[in-house]
Full PDB file with SEQRES, HELIX, SHEET, SSBOND, CRYST1, ORIGX, SCALE, CONECT and MASTER records, all heavy atoms in Angstrom:
SEQRES   1 A   35  ARG ALA ASN GLU ASN TYR GLN LYS LEU LYS ALA SER TYR          
SEQRES   2 A   35  LEU PHE SER ASP ILE ALA ARG ARG VAL ASP GLN PHE GLN          
SEQRES   3 A   35  LYS GLU ASN PRO ASP ILE ARG VAL ILE                          
HELIX    1 AA1 GLU A    4  LYS A    8  5                                   5    
HELIX    2 AA2 LEU A   14  GLU A   28  1                                  15    
CRYST1    1.000    1.000    1.000  90.00  90.00  90.00 P 1           1          
ORIGX1      1.000000  0.000000  0.000000        0.00000                         
ORIGX2      0.000000  1.000000  0.000000        0.00000                         
ORIGX3      0.000000  0.000000  1.000000        0.00000                         
SCALE1      1.000000  0.000000  0.000000        0.00000                         
SCALE2      0.000000  1.000000  0.000000        0.00000                         
SCALE3      0.000000  0.000000  1.000000        0.00000                         
ATOM      1  N   ARG A   1     140.927-134.653 -16.570  1.00  0.00           N  
ATOM      2  CA  ARG A   1     140.692-133.746 -17.676  1.00  0.00           C  
ATOM      3  C   ARG A   1     141.189-132.337 -17.345  1.00  0.00           C  
ATOM      4  O   ARG A   1     141.195-131.919 -16.179  1.00  0.00           O  
ATOM      5  CB  ARG A   1     139.212-133.727 -18.035  1.00  0.00           C  
ATOM      6  CG  ARG A   1     138.684-135.077 -18.497  1.00  0.00           C  
ATOM      7  CD  ARG A   1     137.168-135.068 -18.613  1.00  0.00           C  
ATOM      8  NE  ARG A   1     136.742-134.029 -19.535  1.00  0.00           N  
ATOM      9  CZ  ARG A   1     135.581-133.358 -19.444  1.00  0.00           C  
ATOM     10  NH1 ARG A   1     134.776-133.619 -18.421  1.00  0.00           N  
ATOM     11  NH2 ARG A   1     135.243-132.461 -20.327  1.00  0.00           N  
ATOM     12  N   ALA A   2     141.596-131.622 -18.366  1.00  0.00           N  
ATOM     13  CA  ALA A   2     142.124-130.268 -18.215  1.00  0.00           C  
ATOM     14  C   ALA A   2     140.997-129.243 -18.208  1.00  0.00           C  
ATOM     15  O   ALA A   2     139.898-129.488 -18.714  1.00  0.00           O  
ATOM     16  CB  ALA A   2     143.089-129.956 -19.363  1.00  0.00           C  
ATOM     17  N   ASN A   3     141.273-128.107 -17.631  1.00  0.00           N  
ATOM     18  CA  ASN A   3     140.411-126.943 -17.789  1.00  0.00           C  
ATOM     19  C   ASN A   3     140.668-126.387 -19.183  1.00  0.00           C  
ATOM     20  O   ASN A   3     141.683-125.739 -19.438  1.00  0.00           O  
ATOM     21  CB  ASN A   3     140.747-125.897 -16.718  1.00  0.00           C  
ATOM     22  CG  ASN A   3     139.943-124.612 -16.872  1.00  0.00           C  
ATOM     23  OD1 ASN A   3     139.213-124.423 -17.837  1.00  0.00           O  
ATOM     24  ND2 ASN A   3     140.091-123.713 -15.903  1.00  0.00           N  
ATOM     25  N   GLU A   4     139.761-126.645 -20.103  1.00  0.00           N  
ATOM     26  CA  GLU A   4     140.002-126.316 -21.502  1.00  0.00           C  
ATOM     27  C   GLU A   4     139.986-124.808 -21.778  1.00  0.00           C  
ATOM     28  O   GLU A   4     140.373-124.379 -22.874  1.00  0.00           O  
ATOM     29  CB  GLU A   4     138.991-127.034 -22.390  1.00  0.00           C  
ATOM     30  CG  GLU A   4     139.184-128.548 -22.351  1.00  0.00           C  
ATOM     31  CD  GLU A   4     138.454-129.274 -23.474  1.00  0.00           C  
ATOM     32  OE1 GLU A   4     137.965-128.601 -24.418  1.00  0.00           O  
ATOM     33  OE2 GLU A   4     138.377-130.510 -23.406  1.00  0.00           O  
ATOM     34  N   ASN A   5     139.579-124.017 -20.795  1.00  0.00           N  
ATOM     35  CA  ASN A   5     139.653-122.574 -20.988  1.00  0.00           C  
ATOM     36  C   ASN A   5     141.092-122.098 -21.142  1.00  0.00           C  
ATOM     37  O   ASN A   5     141.346-121.082 -21.796  1.00  0.00           O  
ATOM     38  CB  ASN A   5     138.998-121.846 -19.810  1.00  0.00           C  
ATOM     39  CG  ASN A   5     137.505-122.072 -19.759  1.00  0.00           C  
ATOM     40  OD1 ASN A   5     136.805-121.853 -20.738  1.00  0.00           O  
ATOM     41  ND2 ASN A   5     137.008-122.533 -18.615  1.00  0.00           N  
ATOM     42  N   TYR A   6     142.032-122.854 -20.572  1.00  0.00           N  
ATOM     43  CA  TYR A   6     143.456-122.496 -20.718  1.00  0.00           C  
ATOM     44  C   TYR A   6     143.891-122.570 -22.183  1.00  0.00           C  
ATOM     45  O   TYR A   6     144.843-121.900 -22.590  1.00  0.00           O  
ATOM     46  CB  TYR A   6     144.333-123.401 -19.869  1.00  0.00           C  
ATOM     47  CG  TYR A   6     144.451-122.975 -18.426  1.00  0.00           C  
ATOM     48  CD1 TYR A   6     143.358-123.027 -17.571  1.00  0.00           C  
ATOM     49  CD2 TYR A   6     145.653-122.502 -17.906  1.00  0.00           C  
ATOM     50  CE1 TYR A   6     143.445-122.635 -16.248  1.00  0.00           C  
ATOM     51  CE2 TYR A   6     145.754-122.103 -16.590  1.00  0.00           C  
ATOM     52  CZ  TYR A   6     144.648-122.170 -15.761  1.00  0.00           C  
ATOM     53  OH  TYR A   6     144.749-121.757 -14.442  1.00  0.00           O  
ATOM     54  N   GLN A   7     143.188-123.360 -22.984  1.00  0.00           N  
ATOM     55  CA  GLN A   7     143.526-123.482 -24.404  1.00  0.00           C  
ATOM     56  C   GLN A   7     143.163-122.209 -25.166  1.00  0.00           C  
ATOM     57  O   GLN A   7     143.617-121.999 -26.292  1.00  0.00           O  
ATOM     58  CB  GLN A   7     142.799-124.678 -25.032  1.00  0.00           C  
ATOM     59  CG  GLN A   7     143.082-126.015 -24.365  1.00  0.00           C  
ATOM     60  CD  GLN A   7     144.570-126.333 -24.354  1.00  0.00           C  
ATOM     61  OE1 GLN A   7     145.217-126.359 -23.321  1.00  0.00           O  
ATOM     62  NE2 GLN A   7     145.112-126.552 -25.540  1.00  0.00           N  
ATOM     63  N   LYS A   8     142.318-121.368 -24.559  1.00  0.00           N  
ATOM     64  CA  LYS A   8     141.915-120.124 -25.216  1.00  0.00           C  
ATOM     65  C   LYS A   8     142.929-119.000 -24.997  1.00  0.00           C  
ATOM     66  O   LYS A   8     142.839-117.949 -25.647  1.00  0.00           O  
ATOM     67  CB  LYS A   8     140.555-119.675 -24.684  1.00  0.00           C  
ATOM     68  CG  LYS A   8     139.439-120.684 -24.899  1.00  0.00           C  
ATOM     69  CD  LYS A   8     138.169-120.214 -24.197  1.00  0.00           C  
ATOM     70  CE  LYS A   8     137.069-121.268 -24.259  1.00  0.00           C  
ATOM     71  NZ  LYS A   8     135.867-120.870 -23.476  1.00  0.00           N  
ATOM     72  N   LEU A   9     143.852-119.208 -24.068  1.00  0.00           N  
ATOM     73  CA  LEU A   9     144.853-118.182 -23.790  1.00  0.00           C  
ATOM     74  C   LEU A   9     145.800-118.033 -24.966  1.00  0.00           C  
ATOM     75  O   LEU A   9     146.059-118.990 -25.701  1.00  0.00           O  
ATOM     76  CB  LEU A   9     145.659-118.537 -22.542  1.00  0.00           C  
ATOM     77  CG  LEU A   9     144.910-118.489 -21.208  1.00  0.00           C  
ATOM     78  CD1 LEU A   9     145.724-119.194 -20.140  1.00  0.00           C  
ATOM     79  CD2 LEU A   9     144.638-117.048 -20.803  1.00  0.00           C  
ATOM     80  N   LYS A  10     146.321-116.824 -25.121  1.00  0.00           N  
ATOM     81  CA  LYS A  10     147.370-116.629 -26.109  1.00  0.00           C  
ATOM     82  C   LYS A  10     148.569-117.483 -25.730  1.00  0.00           C  
ATOM     83  O   LYS A  10     148.730-117.895 -24.599  1.00  0.00           O  
ATOM     84  CB  LYS A  10     147.740-115.145 -26.187  1.00  0.00           C  
ATOM     85  CG  LYS A  10     146.655-114.297 -26.846  1.00  0.00           C  
ATOM     86  CD  LYS A  10     147.029-112.844 -26.891  1.00  0.00           C  
ATOM     87  CE  LYS A  10     146.928-112.189 -25.540  1.00  0.00           C  
ATOM     88  NZ  LYS A  10     147.170-110.725 -25.598  1.00  0.00           N  
ATOM     89  N   ALA A  11     149.432-117.719 -26.688  1.00  0.00           N  
ATOM     90  CA  ALA A  11     150.497-118.732 -26.540  1.00  0.00           C  
ATOM     91  C   ALA A  11     151.306-118.574 -25.263  1.00  0.00           C  
ATOM     92  O   ALA A  11     151.653-119.563 -24.622  1.00  0.00           O  
ATOM     93  CB  ALA A  11     151.423-118.690 -27.756  1.00  0.00           C  
ATOM     94  N   SER A  12     151.621-117.340 -24.875  1.00  0.00           N  
ATOM     95  CA  SER A  12     152.406-117.156 -23.660  1.00  0.00           C  
ATOM     96  C   SER A  12     152.090-115.818 -23.034  1.00  0.00           C  
ATOM     97  O   SER A  12     151.539-114.918 -23.684  1.00  0.00           O  
ATOM     98  CB  SER A  12     153.911-117.242 -23.954  1.00  0.00           C  
ATOM     99  OG  SER A  12     154.331-116.136 -24.738  1.00  0.00           O  
ATOM    100  N   TYR A  13     152.416-115.694 -21.770  1.00  0.00           N  
ATOM    101  CA  TYR A  13     152.248-114.436 -21.058  1.00  0.00           C  
ATOM    102  C   TYR A  13     153.189-113.404 -21.682  1.00  0.00           C  
ATOM    103  O   TYR A  13     154.333-113.705 -22.041  1.00  0.00           O  
ATOM    104  CB  TYR A  13     152.567-114.668 -19.587  1.00  0.00           C  
ATOM    105  CG  TYR A  13     152.393-113.471 -18.691  1.00  0.00           C  
ATOM    106  CD1 TYR A  13     151.185-112.797 -18.619  1.00  0.00           C  
ATOM    107  CD2 TYR A  13     153.442-113.025 -17.886  1.00  0.00           C  
ATOM    108  CE1 TYR A  13     151.004-111.721 -17.769  1.00  0.00           C  
ATOM    109  CE2 TYR A  13     153.275-111.948 -17.032  1.00  0.00           C  
ATOM    110  CZ  TYR A  13     152.062-111.306 -16.986  1.00  0.00           C  
ATOM    111  OH  TYR A  13     151.902-110.227 -16.148  1.00  0.00           O  
ATOM    112  N   LEU A  14     152.718-112.166 -21.839  1.00  0.00           N  
ATOM    113  CA  LEU A  14     153.456-111.117 -22.530  1.00  0.00           C  
ATOM    114  C   LEU A  14     154.902-111.027 -22.088  1.00  0.00           C  
ATOM    115  O   LEU A  14     155.832-111.035 -22.917  1.00  0.00           O  
ATOM    116  CB  LEU A  14     152.753-109.768 -22.314  1.00  0.00           C  
ATOM    117  CG  LEU A  14     153.517-108.512 -22.749  1.00  0.00           C  
ATOM    118  CD1 LEU A  14     153.785-108.529 -24.248  1.00  0.00           C  
ATOM    119  CD2 LEU A  14     152.740-107.259 -22.350  1.00  0.00           C  
ATOM    120  N   PHE A  15     155.132-110.936 -20.786  1.00  0.00           N  
ATOM    121  CA  PHE A  15     156.486-110.688 -20.302  1.00  0.00           C  
ATOM    122  C   PHE A  15     157.377-111.927 -20.415  1.00  0.00           C  
ATOM    123  O   PHE A  15     158.593-111.822 -20.488  1.00  0.00           O  
ATOM    124  CB  PHE A  15     156.439-110.144 -18.881  1.00  0.00           C  
ATOM    125  CG  PHE A  15     155.734-108.811 -18.817  1.00  0.00           C  
ATOM    126  CD1 PHE A  15     154.459-108.701 -18.284  1.00  0.00           C  
ATOM    127  CD2 PHE A  15     156.331-107.669 -19.330  1.00  0.00           C  
ATOM    128  CE1 PHE A  15     153.787-107.490 -18.251  1.00  0.00           C  
ATOM    129  CE2 PHE A  15     155.674-106.449 -19.314  1.00  0.00           C  
ATOM    130  CZ  PHE A  15     154.394-106.352 -18.770  1.00  0.00           C  
ATOM    131  N   SER A  16     156.768-113.103 -20.486  1.00  0.00           N  
ATOM    132  CA  SER A  16     157.537-114.314 -20.759  1.00  0.00           C  
ATOM    133  C   SER A  16     158.026-114.303 -22.197  1.00  0.00           C  
ATOM    134  O   SER A  16     159.160-114.714 -22.499  1.00  0.00           O  
ATOM    135  CB  SER A  16     156.685-115.566 -20.500  1.00  0.00           C  
ATOM    136  OG  SER A  16     156.286-115.627 -19.157  1.00  0.00           O  
ATOM    137  N   ASP A  17     157.172-113.835 -23.098  1.00  0.00           N  
ATOM    138  CA  ASP A  17     157.543-113.753 -24.517  1.00  0.00           C  
ATOM    139  C   ASP A  17     158.684-112.748 -24.709  1.00  0.00           C  
ATOM    140  O   ASP A  17     159.636-112.991 -25.460  1.00  0.00           O  
ATOM    141  CB  ASP A  17     156.328-113.354 -25.343  1.00  0.00           C  
ATOM    142  CG  ASP A  17     156.489-113.665 -26.824  1.00  0.00           C  
ATOM    143  OD1 ASP A  17     157.473-114.350 -27.169  1.00  0.00           O  
ATOM    144  OD2 ASP A  17     155.651-113.217 -27.628  1.00  0.00           O  
ATOM    145  N   ILE A  18     158.589-111.617 -24.021  1.00  0.00           N  
ATOM    146  CA  ILE A  18     159.662-110.623 -24.090  1.00  0.00           C  
ATOM    147  C   ILE A  18     160.970-111.208 -23.574  1.00  0.00           C  
ATOM    148  O   ILE A  18     162.028-111.058 -24.193  1.00  0.00           O  
ATOM    149  CB  ILE A  18     159.273-109.366 -23.288  1.00  0.00           C  
ATOM    150  CG1 ILE A  18     158.129-108.630 -23.987  1.00  0.00           C  
ATOM    151  CG2 ILE A  18     160.477-108.437 -23.107  1.00  0.00           C  
ATOM    152  CD1 ILE A  18     157.545-107.497 -23.169  1.00  0.00           C  
ATOM    153  N   ALA A  19     160.907-111.887 -22.430  1.00  0.00           N  
ATOM    154  CA  ALA A  19     162.115-112.478 -21.843  1.00  0.00           C  
ATOM    155  C   ALA A  19     162.752-113.485 -22.795  1.00  0.00           C  
ATOM    156  O   ALA A  19     163.987-113.546 -22.919  1.00  0.00           O  
ATOM    157  CB  ALA A  19     161.767-113.141 -20.520  1.00  0.00           C  
ATOM    158  N   ARG A  20     161.922-114.265 -23.468  1.00  0.00           N  
ATOM    159  CA  ARG A  20     162.445-115.255 -24.421  1.00  0.00           C  
ATOM    160  C   ARG A  20     163.190-114.568 -25.560  1.00  0.00           C  
ATOM    161  O   ARG A  20     164.283-114.981 -25.951  1.00  0.00           O  
ATOM    162  CB  ARG A  20     161.293-116.097 -24.965  1.00  0.00           C  
ATOM    163  CG  ARG A  20     161.720-117.155 -25.975  1.00  0.00           C  
ATOM    164  CD  ARG A  20     160.522-117.881 -26.553  1.00  0.00           C  
ATOM    165  NE  ARG A  20     159.576-116.981 -27.195  1.00  0.00           N  
ATOM    166  CZ  ARG A  20     159.756-116.462 -28.416  1.00  0.00           C  
ATOM    167  NH1 ARG A  20     160.859-116.745 -29.106  1.00  0.00           N  
ATOM    168  NH2 ARG A  20     158.847-115.663 -28.938  1.00  0.00           N  
ATOM    169  N   ARG A  21     162.619-113.498 -26.101  1.00  0.00           N  
ATOM    170  CA  ARG A  21     163.268-112.784 -27.205  1.00  0.00           C  
ATOM    171  C   ARG A  21     164.571-112.119 -26.749  1.00  0.00           C  
ATOM    172  O   ARG A  21     165.568-112.131 -27.492  1.00  0.00           O  
ATOM    173  CB  ARG A  21     162.315-111.712 -27.763  1.00  0.00           C  
ATOM    174  CG  ARG A  21     161.087-112.287 -28.475  1.00  0.00           C  
ATOM    175  CD  ARG A  21     160.312-111.186 -29.151  1.00  0.00           C  
ATOM    176  NE  ARG A  21     159.079-111.694 -29.756  1.00  0.00           N  
ATOM    177  CZ  ARG A  21     158.567-111.221 -30.884  1.00  0.00           C  
ATOM    178  NH1 ARG A  21     159.173-110.246 -31.536  1.00  0.00           N  
ATOM    179  NH2 ARG A  21     157.435-111.706 -31.364  1.00  0.00           N  
ATOM    180  N   VAL A  22     164.545-111.550 -25.566  1.00  0.00           N  
ATOM    181  CA  VAL A  22     165.751-110.891 -25.055  1.00  0.00           C  
ATOM    182  C   VAL A  22     166.842-111.922 -24.783  1.00  0.00           C  
ATOM    183  O   VAL A  22     168.015-111.691 -25.105  1.00  0.00           O  
ATOM    184  CB  VAL A  22     165.424-110.075 -23.788  1.00  0.00           C  
ATOM    185  CG1 VAL A  22     166.707-109.521 -23.162  1.00  0.00           C  
ATOM    186  CG2 VAL A  22     164.459-108.939 -24.120  1.00  0.00           C  
ATOM    187  N   ASP A  23     166.482-113.065 -24.201  1.00  0.00           N  
ATOM    188  CA  ASP A  23     167.467-114.117 -23.929  1.00  0.00           C  
ATOM    189  C   ASP A  23     168.103-114.610 -25.222  1.00  0.00           C  
ATOM    190  O   ASP A  23     169.325-114.835 -25.280  1.00  0.00           O  
ATOM    191  CB  ASP A  23     166.800-115.287 -23.198  1.00  0.00           C  
ATOM    192  CG  ASP A  23     166.467-114.955 -21.757  1.00  0.00           C  
ATOM    193  OD1 ASP A  23     166.978-113.946 -21.247  1.00  0.00           O  
ATOM    194  OD2 ASP A  23     165.682-115.704 -21.139  1.00  0.00           O  
ATOM    195  N   GLN A  24     167.287-114.769 -26.256  1.00  0.00           N  
ATOM    196  CA  GLN A  24     167.823-115.216 -27.535  1.00  0.00           C  
ATOM    197  C   GLN A  24     168.787-114.189 -28.117  1.00  0.00           C  
ATOM    198  O   GLN A  24     169.866-114.534 -28.616  1.00  0.00           O  
ATOM    199  CB  GLN A  24     166.674-115.479 -28.523  1.00  0.00           C  
ATOM    200  CG  GLN A  24     167.116-116.004 -29.888  1.00  0.00           C  
ATOM    201  CD  GLN A  24     167.808-117.356 -29.796  1.00  0.00           C  
ATOM    202  OE1 GLN A  24     167.449-118.187 -28.964  1.00  0.00           O  
ATOM    203  NE2 GLN A  24     168.813-117.567 -30.634  1.00  0.00           N  
ATOM    204  N   PHE A  25     168.407-112.906 -28.042  1.00  0.00           N  
ATOM    205  CA  PHE A  25     169.281-111.834 -28.524  1.00  0.00           C  
ATOM    206  C   PHE A  25     170.596-111.825 -27.753  1.00  0.00           C  
ATOM    207  O   PHE A  25     171.671-111.679 -28.347  1.00  0.00           O  
ATOM    208  CB  PHE A  25     168.583-110.487 -28.392  1.00  0.00           C  
ATOM    209  CG  PHE A  25     169.473-109.313 -28.697  1.00  0.00           C  
ATOM    210  CD1 PHE A  25     169.745-108.953 -30.010  1.00  0.00           C  
ATOM    211  CD2 PHE A  25     170.049-108.563 -27.670  1.00  0.00           C  
ATOM    212  CE1 PHE A  25     170.588-107.871 -30.299  1.00  0.00           C  
ATOM    213  CE2 PHE A  25     170.882-107.488 -27.942  1.00  0.00           C  
ATOM    214  CZ  PHE A  25     171.145-107.137 -29.264  1.00  0.00           C  
ATOM    215  N   GLN A  26     170.525-112.007 -26.431  1.00  0.00           N  
ATOM    216  CA  GLN A  26     171.733-111.974 -25.606  1.00  0.00           C  
ATOM    217  C   GLN A  26     172.665-113.128 -25.926  1.00  0.00           C  
ATOM    218  O   GLN A  26     173.894-112.962 -25.936  1.00  0.00           O  
ATOM    219  CB  GLN A  26     171.350-111.991 -24.125  1.00  0.00           C  
ATOM    220  CG  GLN A  26     172.459-111.560 -23.195  1.00  0.00           C  
ATOM    221  CD  GLN A  26     172.747-110.064 -23.263  1.00  0.00           C  
ATOM    222  OE1 GLN A  26     172.125-109.283 -22.568  1.00  0.00           O  
ATOM    223  NE2 GLN A  26     173.694-109.641 -24.085  1.00  0.00           N  
ATOM    224  N   LYS A  27     172.094-114.307 -26.209  1.00  0.00           N  
ATOM    225  CA  LYS A  27     172.916-115.449 -26.596  1.00  0.00           C  
ATOM    226  C   LYS A  27     173.641-115.186 -27.909  1.00  0.00           C  
ATOM    227  O   LYS A  27     174.804-115.589 -28.092  1.00  0.00           O  
ATOM    228  CB  LYS A  27     172.056-116.703 -26.716  1.00  0.00           C  
ATOM    229  CG  LYS A  27     171.559-117.246 -25.391  1.00  0.00           C  
ATOM    230  CD  LYS A  27     170.649-118.459 -25.596  1.00  0.00           C  
ATOM    231  CE  LYS A  27     170.102-118.960 -24.261  1.00  0.00           C  
ATOM    232  NZ  LYS A  27     169.144-120.094 -24.459  1.00  0.00           N  
ATOM    233  N   GLU A  28     172.955-114.523 -28.826  1.00  0.00           N  
ATOM    234  CA  GLU A  28     173.553-114.240 -30.135  1.00  0.00           C  
ATOM    235  C   GLU A  28     174.485-113.036 -30.100  1.00  0.00           C  
ATOM    236  O   GLU A  28     175.329-112.875 -30.987  1.00  0.00           O  
ATOM    237  CB  GLU A  28     172.432-113.982 -31.149  1.00  0.00           C  
ATOM    238  CG  GLU A  28     171.549-115.211 -31.408  1.00  0.00           C  
ATOM    239  CD  GLU A  28     170.331-114.878 -32.237  1.00  0.00           C  
ATOM    240  OE1 GLU A  28     170.123-113.673 -32.551  1.00  0.00           O  
ATOM    241  OE2 GLU A  28     169.584-115.809 -32.585  1.00  0.00           O  
ATOM    242  N   ASN A  29     174.346-112.183 -29.063  1.00  0.00           N  
ATOM    243  CA  ASN A  29     175.157-110.964 -28.952  1.00  0.00           C  
ATOM    244  C   ASN A  29     175.675-110.817 -27.526  1.00  0.00           C  
ATOM    245  O   ASN A  29     175.300-109.880 -26.807  1.00  0.00           O  
ATOM    246  CB  ASN A  29     174.333-109.741 -29.344  1.00  0.00           C  
ATOM    247  CG  ASN A  29     173.769-109.827 -30.737  1.00  0.00           C  
ATOM    248  OD1 ASN A  29     174.418-109.457 -31.706  1.00  0.00           O  
ATOM    249  ND2 ASN A  29     172.531-110.328 -30.842  1.00  0.00           N  
ATOM    250  N   PRO A  30     176.548-111.722 -27.103  1.00  0.00           N  
ATOM    251  CA  PRO A  30     176.987-111.727 -25.704  1.00  0.00           C  
ATOM    252  C   PRO A  30     177.762-110.492 -25.274  1.00  0.00           C  
ATOM    253  O   PRO A  30     177.858-110.212 -24.071  1.00  0.00           O  
ATOM    254  CB  PRO A  30     177.859-112.986 -25.608  1.00  0.00           C  
ATOM    255  CG  PRO A  30     178.304-113.241 -27.006  1.00  0.00           C  
ATOM    256  CD  PRO A  30     177.186-112.798 -27.896  1.00  0.00           C  
ATOM    257  N   ASP A  31     178.300-109.733 -26.227  1.00  0.00           N  
ATOM    258  CA  ASP A  31     179.103-108.563 -25.877  1.00  0.00           C  
ATOM    259  C   ASP A  31     178.283-107.296 -25.703  1.00  0.00           C  
ATOM    260  O   ASP A  31     178.825-106.267 -25.278  1.00  0.00           O  
ATOM    261  CB  ASP A  31     180.169-108.331 -26.958  1.00  0.00           C  
ATOM    262  CG  ASP A  31     181.170-109.485 -27.039  1.00  0.00           C  
ATOM    263  OD1 ASP A  31     181.392-110.149 -26.019  1.00  0.00           O  
ATOM    264  OD2 ASP A  31     181.708-109.720 -28.151  1.00  0.00           O  
ATOM    265  N   ILE A  32     177.001-107.354 -26.033  1.00  0.00           N  
ATOM    266  CA  ILE A  32     176.149-106.172 -25.902  1.00  0.00           C  
ATOM    267  C   ILE A  32     175.493-106.163 -24.522  1.00  0.00           C  
ATOM    268  O   ILE A  32     174.883-107.141 -24.113  1.00  0.00           O  
ATOM    269  CB  ILE A  32     175.071-106.140 -27.003  1.00  0.00           C  
ATOM    270  CG1 ILE A  32     175.731-105.997 -28.379  1.00  0.00           C  
ATOM    271  CG2 ILE A  32     174.083-105.001 -26.761  1.00  0.00           C  
ATOM    272  CD1 ILE A  32     174.742-105.980 -29.540  1.00  0.00           C  
ATOM    273  N   ARG A  33     175.637-105.048 -23.827  1.00  0.00           N  
ATOM    274  CA  ARG A  33     174.987-104.899 -22.522  1.00  0.00           C  
ATOM    275  C   ARG A  33     173.558-104.410 -22.748  1.00  0.00           C  
ATOM    276  O   ARG A  33     173.333-103.265 -23.160  1.00  0.00           O  
ATOM    277  CB  ARG A  33     175.747-103.904 -21.647  1.00  0.00           C  
ATOM    278  CG  ARG A  33     175.208-103.791 -20.226  1.00  0.00           C  
ATOM    279  CD  ARG A  33     176.057-102.839 -19.383  1.00  0.00           C  
ATOM    280  NE  ARG A  33     175.945-101.471 -19.826  1.00  0.00           N  
ATOM    281  CZ  ARG A  33     175.013-100.606 -19.386  1.00  0.00           C  
ATOM    282  NH1 ARG A  33     174.111-101.003 -18.494  1.00  0.00           N  
ATOM    283  NH2 ARG A  33     174.980 -99.373 -19.834  1.00  0.00           N  
ATOM    284  N   VAL A  34     172.611-105.272 -22.516  1.00  0.00           N  
ATOM    285  CA  VAL A  34     171.210-104.948 -22.720  1.00  0.00           C  
ATOM    286  C   VAL A  34     170.691-104.089 -21.561  1.00  0.00           C  
ATOM    287  O   VAL A  34     170.959-104.385 -20.398  1.00  0.00           O  
ATOM    288  CB  VAL A  34     170.375-106.239 -22.860  1.00  0.00           C  
ATOM    289  CG1 VAL A  34     168.871-105.907 -22.874  1.00  0.00           C  
ATOM    290  CG2 VAL A  34     170.755-106.998 -24.123  1.00  0.00           C  
ATOM    291  N   ILE A  35     169.969-103.036 -21.898  1.00  0.00           N  
ATOM    292  CA  ILE A  35     169.351-102.177 -20.891  1.00  0.00           C  
ATOM    293  C   ILE A  35     167.854-102.445 -20.919  1.00  0.00           C  
ATOM    294  O   ILE A  35     167.193-102.273 -21.949  1.00  0.00           O  
ATOM    295  CB  ILE A  35     169.631-100.687 -21.162  1.00  0.00           C  
ATOM    296  CG1 ILE A  35     171.148-100.424 -21.130  1.00  0.00           C  
ATOM    297  CG2 ILE A  35     168.918 -99.801 -20.119  1.00  0.00           C  
ATOM    298  CD1 ILE A  35     171.532 -98.996 -21.482  1.00  0.00           C  
TER     299      ILE A  35                                                      
MASTER        0    0    0    2    0    0    0    6  298    1    0    3          
END                                                                             
């Protein structure tokens, strides 16, 4: 059985969510140098 407290966490860790959005933007805009 799982530790069901993990189900109470928000969908993802903040910085993982940011990385996902930035990666998606970079794939769609490969010529832009992201800072």
